[in-house]
Amino acid sequence: MAPGMAIADPALGKQGFGLGLRKPAAAAEELRRRNEVLEREVRERRAREEETRRELERTRARLRAVEEAEEQLCVQLGEIEAEAVVEARDYHRQIKALSDELEEARRILGSSSSPSPSSSHRRFLVRVDGSN
């Protein structure tokens, strides 16, 4: 005999569940109750499945919104970084120009032997002080 084969016992009924031992009306009532229980379980599971699907759709919608927001933030961050690079270059040029002016003013002051600076020397001194 193969391991998966069952031998039907006529006393146990067609499927071997012992239904043949009961009266037919009691067996039918038992089947009807069992069928109702199974149908109720199927309805409950379908309702849970539908609720899970709705929750999944809400989660997908939130995910799309978050991804779009992330993309917008990345674009904004890129723009801000580009502006920061431009500003840093401008500040660097400005600092370099001021350093060059200061160096020139110091050179002129160092090479000048007269106590009173000439008019060209005053121009550098005024610019270094920030006054016009």
N, C-alpha and C. Protein backbone atom coordinates (compact mmCIF):
# COMPACT_ATOMS: atom_id res chain seq x y z
N MET A 1 0.85 -1.18 0.00
CA MET A 1 0.00 0.00 0.00
C MET A 1 0.89 1.23 0.00
N ALA A 2 0.55 2.23 -0.82
CA ALA A 2 1.32 3.47 -0.89
C ALA A 2 1.04 4.29 0.36
N PRO A 3 2.02 5.09 0.83
CA PRO A 3 1.84 5.84 2.07
C PRO A 3 0.71 6.84 2.03
N GLY A 4 0.37 7.40 0.88
CA GLY A 4 -0.65 8.44 0.82
C GLY A 4 -2.05 7.92 0.58
N MET A 5 -2.25 6.65 0.48
CA MET A 5 -3.58 6.11 0.17
C MET A 5 -4.36 5.80 1.45
N ALA A 6 -5.65 6.07 1.38
CA ALA A 6 -6.52 5.76 2.51
C ALA A 6 -7.53 4.71 2.07
N ILE A 7 -7.91 3.90 2.97
CA ILE A 7 -8.91 2.88 2.66
C ILE A 7 -10.21 3.32 3.32
N ALA A 8 -11.24 3.41 2.51
CA ALA A 8 -12.54 3.84 3.02
C ALA A 8 -13.21 2.70 3.77
N ASP A 9 -13.72 3.05 4.92
CA ASP A 9 -14.47 2.09 5.73
C ASP A 9 -15.94 2.41 5.53
N PRO A 10 -16.73 1.49 5.03
CA PRO A 10 -18.14 1.79 4.78
C PRO A 10 -18.88 2.29 6.01
N ALA A 11 -18.45 1.94 7.19
CA ALA A 11 -19.11 2.38 8.41
C ALA A 11 -18.83 3.85 8.70
N LEU A 12 -17.73 4.40 8.13
CA LEU A 12 -17.37 5.79 8.40
C LEU A 12 -17.93 6.75 7.36
N GLY A 13 -18.60 6.30 6.39
CA GLY A 13 -19.18 7.17 5.39
C GLY A 13 -18.29 7.29 4.17
N LYS A 14 -18.75 8.08 3.19
CA LYS A 14 -18.06 8.20 1.91
C LYS A 14 -16.65 8.73 2.06
N GLN A 15 -16.43 9.79 2.85
CA GLN A 15 -15.12 10.38 3.02
C GLN A 15 -14.39 9.83 4.24
N GLY A 16 -14.99 9.00 4.99
CA GLY A 16 -14.33 8.43 6.15
C GLY A 16 -14.36 9.36 7.35
N PHE A 17 -15.35 10.27 7.44
CA PHE A 17 -15.43 11.22 8.55
C PHE A 17 -16.42 10.78 9.62
N GLY A 18 -16.96 9.65 9.50
CA GLY A 18 -17.89 9.16 10.50
C GLY A 18 -19.29 9.71 10.32
N LEU A 19 -19.59 10.29 9.16
CA LEU A 19 -20.91 10.86 8.94
C LEU A 19 -21.97 9.78 8.75
N GLY A 20 -21.54 8.62 8.35
CA GLY A 20 -22.49 7.53 8.14
C GLY A 20 -23.04 6.99 9.44
N LEU A 21 -22.43 7.27 10.56
CA LEU A 21 -22.89 6.77 11.85
C LEU A 21 -24.02 7.61 12.40
N ARG A 22 -24.18 8.83 11.92
CA ARG A 22 -25.25 9.71 12.40
C ARG A 22 -26.47 9.59 11.51
N LYS A 23 -27.52 10.16 12.00
CA LYS A 23 -28.73 10.21 11.20
C LYS A 23 -28.50 11.21 10.08
N PRO A 24 -29.08 11.01 8.92
CA PRO A 24 -28.87 11.92 7.79
C PRO A 24 -29.24 13.37 8.11
N ALA A 25 -30.29 13.63 8.86
CA ALA A 25 -30.69 15.01 9.19
C ALA A 25 -29.65 15.67 10.08
N ALA A 26 -29.13 14.95 11.05
CA ALA A 26 -28.11 15.50 11.95
C ALA A 26 -26.83 15.77 11.18
N ALA A 27 -26.50 14.87 10.26
CA ALA A 27 -25.29 15.07 9.45
C ALA A 27 -25.45 16.29 8.56
N ALA A 28 -26.63 16.45 7.97
CA ALA A 28 -26.88 17.61 7.11
C ALA A 28 -26.82 18.91 7.91
N GLU A 29 -27.39 18.87 9.12
CA GLU A 29 -27.35 20.06 9.98
C GLU A 29 -25.91 20.40 10.36
N GLU A 30 -25.14 19.39 10.67
CA GLU A 30 -23.72 19.60 11.01
C GLU A 30 -22.97 20.21 9.82
N LEU A 31 -23.21 19.70 8.63
CA LEU A 31 -22.58 20.25 7.43
C LEU A 31 -23.01 21.69 7.18
N ARG A 32 -24.29 21.97 7.38
CA ARG A 32 -24.80 23.33 7.17
C ARG A 32 -24.13 24.30 8.14
N ARG A 33 -24.04 23.92 9.44
CA ARG A 33 -23.39 24.79 10.43
C ARG A 33 -21.91 24.99 10.09
N ARG A 34 -21.28 23.92 9.72
CA ARG A 34 -19.85 24.02 9.37
C ARG A 34 -19.66 24.92 8.14
N ASN A 35 -20.57 24.77 7.18
CA ASN A 35 -20.52 25.59 5.97
C ASN A 35 -20.73 27.07 6.32
N GLU A 36 -21.65 27.37 7.23
CA GLU A 36 -21.88 28.76 7.66
C GLU A 36 -20.63 29.34 8.32
N VAL A 37 -20.00 28.53 9.17
CA VAL A 37 -18.78 28.98 9.84
C VAL A 37 -17.70 29.29 8.81
N LEU A 38 -17.54 28.38 7.86
CA LEU A 38 -16.51 28.59 6.83
C LEU A 38 -16.82 29.81 5.96
N GLU A 39 -18.10 30.00 5.60
CA GLU A 39 -18.48 31.16 4.80
C GLU A 39 -18.23 32.46 5.56
N ARG A 40 -18.54 32.47 6.87
CA ARG A 40 -18.28 33.65 7.69
C ARG A 40 -16.77 33.94 7.74
N GLU A 41 -15.97 32.90 7.92
CA GLU A 41 -14.52 33.08 7.94
C GLU A 41 -14.01 33.64 6.61
N VAL A 42 -14.57 33.14 5.51
CA VAL A 42 -14.17 33.64 4.18
C VAL A 42 -14.53 35.11 4.05
N ARG A 43 -15.75 35.50 4.48
CA ARG A 43 -16.16 36.91 4.41
C ARG A 43 -15.23 37.78 5.25
N GLU A 44 -14.91 37.32 6.47
CA GLU A 44 -14.03 38.10 7.34
C GLU A 44 -12.64 38.24 6.73
N ARG A 45 -12.13 37.17 6.17
CA ARG A 45 -10.80 37.23 5.55
C ARG A 45 -10.80 38.14 4.33
N ARG A 46 -11.87 38.08 3.55
CA ARG A 46 -11.97 38.97 2.38
C ARG A 46 -12.03 40.43 2.83
N ALA A 47 -12.77 40.69 3.89
CA ALA A 47 -12.85 42.06 4.42
C ALA A 47 -11.49 42.52 4.91
N ARG A 48 -10.77 41.65 5.62
CA ARG A 48 -9.42 42.00 6.08
C ARG A 48 -8.48 42.22 4.89
N GLU A 49 -8.62 41.37 3.88
CA GLU A 49 -7.79 41.51 2.68
C GLU A 49 -8.07 42.84 1.99
N GLU A 50 -9.35 43.19 1.88
CA GLU A 50 -9.71 44.46 1.24
C GLU A 50 -9.18 45.65 2.04
N GLU A 51 -9.29 45.58 3.35
CA GLU A 51 -8.76 46.65 4.20
C GLU A 51 -7.24 46.74 4.06
N THR A 52 -6.59 45.60 3.97
CA THR A 52 -5.14 45.58 3.78
C THR A 52 -4.77 46.20 2.43
N ARG A 53 -5.56 45.92 1.40
CA ARG A 53 -5.30 46.52 0.08
C ARG A 53 -5.48 48.04 0.13
N ARG A 54 -6.53 48.49 0.82
CA ARG A 54 -6.74 49.94 0.94
C ARG A 54 -5.58 50.59 1.69
N GLU A 55 -5.14 49.94 2.75
CA GLU A 55 -3.99 50.45 3.52
C GLU A 55 -2.73 50.47 2.65
N LEU A 56 -2.56 49.45 1.83
CA LEU A 56 -1.41 49.40 0.92
C LEU A 56 -1.47 50.56 -0.07
N GLU A 57 -2.64 50.85 -0.60
CA GLU A 57 -2.78 51.98 -1.54
C GLU A 57 -2.50 53.31 -0.84
N ARG A 58 -2.98 53.46 0.40
CA ARG A 58 -2.68 54.69 1.15
C ARG A 58 -1.18 54.81 1.38
N THR A 59 -0.55 53.70 1.71
CA THR A 59 0.90 53.70 1.94
C THR A 59 1.65 54.03 0.65
N ARG A 60 1.20 53.48 -0.46
CA ARG A 60 1.83 53.80 -1.76
C ARG A 60 1.68 55.28 -2.08
N ALA A 61 0.51 55.84 -1.82
CA ALA A 61 0.30 57.27 -2.08
C ALA A 61 1.22 58.11 -1.21
N ARG A 62 1.35 57.74 0.07
CA ARG A 62 2.27 58.48 0.95
C ARG A 62 3.70 58.34 0.46
N LEU A 63 4.06 57.16 0.01
CA LEU A 63 5.41 56.93 -0.50
C LEU A 63 5.68 57.81 -1.71
N ARG A 64 4.72 57.89 -2.63
CA ARG A 64 4.89 58.75 -3.82
C ARG A 64 5.07 60.20 -3.39
N ALA A 65 4.27 60.65 -2.43
CA ALA A 65 4.38 62.03 -1.95
C ALA A 65 5.75 62.28 -1.32
N VAL A 66 6.22 61.32 -0.54
CA VAL A 66 7.53 61.47 0.11
C VAL A 66 8.64 61.48 -0.94
N GLU A 67 8.53 60.61 -1.95
CA GLU A 67 9.55 60.58 -3.00
C GLU A 67 9.58 61.89 -3.78
N GLU A 68 8.40 62.45 -4.07
CA GLU A 68 8.34 63.73 -4.78
C GLU A 68 8.94 64.84 -3.92
N ALA A 69 8.63 64.83 -2.64
CA ALA A 69 9.19 65.85 -1.74
C ALA A 69 10.71 65.70 -1.65
N GLU A 70 11.18 64.47 -1.59
CA GLU A 70 12.62 64.23 -1.54
C GLU A 70 13.29 64.76 -2.81
N GLU A 71 12.66 64.51 -3.95
CA GLU A 71 13.21 65.00 -5.21
C GLU A 71 13.26 66.52 -5.24
N GLN A 72 12.20 67.16 -4.77
CA GLN A 72 12.19 68.63 -4.73
C GLN A 72 13.26 69.16 -3.79
N LEU A 73 13.42 68.51 -2.65
CA LEU A 73 14.46 68.94 -1.70
C LEU A 73 15.85 68.77 -2.30
N CYS A 74 16.06 67.69 -3.03
CA CYS A 74 17.37 67.48 -3.68
C CYS A 74 17.64 68.57 -4.71
N VAL A 75 16.62 68.94 -5.47
CA VAL A 75 16.79 70.01 -6.45
C VAL A 75 17.12 71.32 -5.74
N GLN A 76 16.37 71.63 -4.69
CA GLN A 76 16.62 72.86 -3.94
C GLN A 76 18.01 72.85 -3.32
N LEU A 77 18.41 71.72 -2.78
CA LEU A 77 19.75 71.61 -2.19
C LEU A 77 20.82 71.83 -3.24
N GLY A 78 20.63 71.26 -4.42
CA GLY A 78 21.58 71.46 -5.51
C GLY A 78 21.69 72.92 -5.90
N GLU A 79 20.55 73.60 -5.97
CA GLU A 79 20.56 75.03 -6.30
C GLU A 79 21.27 75.84 -5.23
N ILE A 80 21.01 75.52 -3.97
CA ILE A 80 21.65 76.24 -2.87
C ILE A 80 23.15 75.98 -2.88
N GLU A 81 23.55 74.74 -3.14
CA GLU A 81 24.98 74.44 -3.21
C GLU A 81 25.65 75.22 -4.34
N ALA A 82 24.98 75.31 -5.49
CA ALA A 82 25.54 76.06 -6.62
C ALA A 82 25.68 77.54 -6.25
N GLU A 83 24.66 78.10 -5.59
CA GLU A 83 24.74 79.49 -5.14
C GLU A 83 25.88 79.68 -4.15
N ALA A 84 26.05 78.72 -3.25
CA ALA A 84 27.12 78.81 -2.25
C ALA A 84 28.49 78.80 -2.91
N VAL A 85 28.65 77.99 -3.94
CA VAL A 85 29.93 77.94 -4.66
C VAL A 85 30.19 79.28 -5.34
N VAL A 86 29.17 79.85 -5.97
CA VAL A 86 29.34 81.15 -6.64
C VAL A 86 29.70 82.22 -5.61
N GLU A 87 28.98 82.24 -4.49
CA GLU A 87 29.28 83.23 -3.45
C GLU A 87 30.68 83.04 -2.88
N ALA A 88 31.07 81.80 -2.66
CA ALA A 88 32.42 81.53 -2.13
C ALA A 88 33.48 82.03 -3.10
N ARG A 89 33.27 81.81 -4.39
CA ARG A 89 34.23 82.31 -5.39
C ARG A 89 34.27 83.83 -5.39
N ASP A 90 33.09 84.46 -5.30
CA ASP A 90 33.04 85.93 -5.25
C ASP A 90 33.77 86.46 -4.02
N TYR A 91 33.50 85.86 -2.87
CA TYR A 91 34.18 86.29 -1.64
C TYR A 91 35.68 86.08 -1.75
N HIS A 92 36.07 84.97 -2.33
CA HIS A 92 37.50 84.70 -2.49
C HIS A 92 38.15 85.77 -3.38
N ARG A 93 37.47 86.11 -4.49
CA ARG A 93 38.00 87.17 -5.37
C ARG A 93 38.08 88.50 -4.62
N GLN A 94 37.05 88.80 -3.84
CA GLN A 94 37.03 90.05 -3.10
C GLN A 94 38.16 90.07 -2.06
N ILE A 95 38.35 88.98 -1.35
CA ILE A 95 39.43 88.90 -0.36
C ILE A 95 40.78 89.03 -1.05
N LYS A 96 40.93 88.37 -2.19
CA LYS A 96 42.20 88.45 -2.93
C LYS A 96 42.45 89.89 -3.37
N ALA A 97 41.43 90.56 -3.88
CA ALA A 97 41.60 91.96 -4.31
C ALA A 97 41.97 92.84 -3.12
N LEU A 98 41.30 92.66 -1.99
CA LEU A 98 41.62 93.46 -0.81
C LEU A 98 43.02 93.14 -0.29
N SER A 99 43.41 91.89 -0.34
CA SER A 99 44.77 91.51 0.07
C SER A 99 45.80 92.14 -0.84
N ASP A 100 45.52 92.13 -2.14
CA ASP A 100 46.44 92.76 -3.09
C ASP A 100 46.55 94.26 -2.82
N GLU A 101 45.41 94.90 -2.55
CA GLU A 101 45.44 96.34 -2.24
C GLU A 101 46.23 96.61 -0.96
N LEU A 102 46.01 95.80 0.04
CA LEU A 102 46.72 95.98 1.30
C LEU A 102 48.22 95.77 1.11
N GLU A 103 48.58 94.77 0.34
CA GLU A 103 49.99 94.52 0.06
C GLU A 103 50.61 95.70 -0.68
N GLU A 104 49.87 96.22 -1.66
CA GLU A 104 50.36 97.39 -2.41
C GLU A 104 50.50 98.59 -1.48
N ALA A 105 49.54 98.81 -0.61
CA ALA A 105 49.61 99.94 0.32
C ALA A 105 50.80 99.78 1.26
N ARG A 106 51.01 98.59 1.75
CA ARG A 106 52.17 98.35 2.63
C ARG A 106 53.48 98.56 1.88
N ARG A 107 53.52 98.10 0.64
CA ARG A 107 54.72 98.29 -0.17
C ARG A 107 55.00 99.76 -0.37
N ILE A 108 53.96 100.53 -0.67
CA ILE A 108 54.13 101.97 -0.89
C ILE A 108 54.55 102.65 0.40
N LEU A 109 53.90 102.27 1.50
CA LEU A 109 54.26 102.87 2.78
C LEU A 109 55.68 102.48 3.19
N GLY A 110 56.08 101.27 2.91
CA GLY A 110 57.42 100.81 3.26
C GLY A 110 58.49 101.45 2.41
N SER A 111 58.18 101.74 1.16
CA SER A 111 59.18 102.34 0.26
C SER A 111 59.21 103.86 0.39
N SER A 112 58.22 104.42 1.01
CA SER A 112 58.16 105.88 1.14
C SER A 112 59.07 106.32 2.28
N SER A 113 59.93 107.25 1.99
CA SER A 113 60.81 107.78 3.04
C SER A 113 60.28 109.07 3.62
N SER A 114 59.30 109.66 2.96
CA SER A 114 58.76 110.92 3.47
C SER A 114 57.71 110.64 4.52
N PRO A 115 57.61 111.47 5.56
CA PRO A 115 56.62 111.26 6.61
C PRO A 115 55.19 111.51 6.13
N SER A 116 55.02 112.32 5.10
CA SER A 116 53.69 112.63 4.60
C SER A 116 53.47 111.88 3.30
N PRO A 117 52.45 111.05 3.22
CA PRO A 117 52.21 110.30 1.99
C PRO A 117 51.76 111.22 0.87
N SER A 118 52.16 110.88 -0.34
CA SER A 118 51.75 111.67 -1.50
C SER A 118 50.28 111.40 -1.80
N SER A 119 49.74 112.10 -2.77
CA SER A 119 48.32 111.95 -3.10
C SER A 119 48.02 110.54 -3.60
N SER A 120 48.94 109.91 -4.34
CA SER A 120 48.69 108.54 -4.81
C SER A 120 48.71 107.56 -3.64
N HIS A 121 49.56 107.86 -2.63
CA HIS A 121 49.59 106.99 -1.45
C HIS A 121 48.31 107.13 -0.64
N ARG A 122 47.77 108.34 -0.57
CA ARG A 122 46.54 108.55 0.20
C ARG A 122 45.37 107.74 -0.38
N ARG A 123 45.36 107.59 -1.68
CA ARG A 123 44.29 106.84 -2.33
C ARG A 123 44.25 105.41 -1.78
N PHE A 124 45.39 104.76 -1.62
CA PHE A 124 45.44 103.40 -1.08
C PHE A 124 45.06 103.38 0.39
N LEU A 125 45.49 104.37 1.14
CA LEU A 125 45.19 104.40 2.56
C LEU A 125 43.69 104.57 2.79
N VAL A 126 43.07 105.39 1.99
CA VAL A 126 41.64 105.62 2.13
C VAL A 126 40.88 104.33 1.82
N ARG A 127 41.27 103.62 0.78
CA ARG A 127 40.57 102.40 0.39
C ARG A 127 40.77 101.30 1.43
N VAL A 128 41.93 101.21 2.04
CA VAL A 128 42.19 100.19 3.05
C VAL A 128 41.34 100.45 4.29
N ASP A 129 41.19 101.72 4.66
CA ASP A 129 40.38 102.07 5.82
C ASP A 129 38.89 101.85 5.55
N GLY A 130 38.50 101.85 4.32
CA GLY A 130 37.09 101.68 3.98
C GLY A 130 36.38 102.99 3.83
N SER A 131 37.06 104.12 4.07
CA SER A 131 36.41 105.42 3.89
C SER A 131 36.78 105.97 2.53
N ASN A 132 35.98 106.89 2.00
CA ASN A 132 36.23 107.45 0.66
C ASN A 132 36.73 108.84 0.73
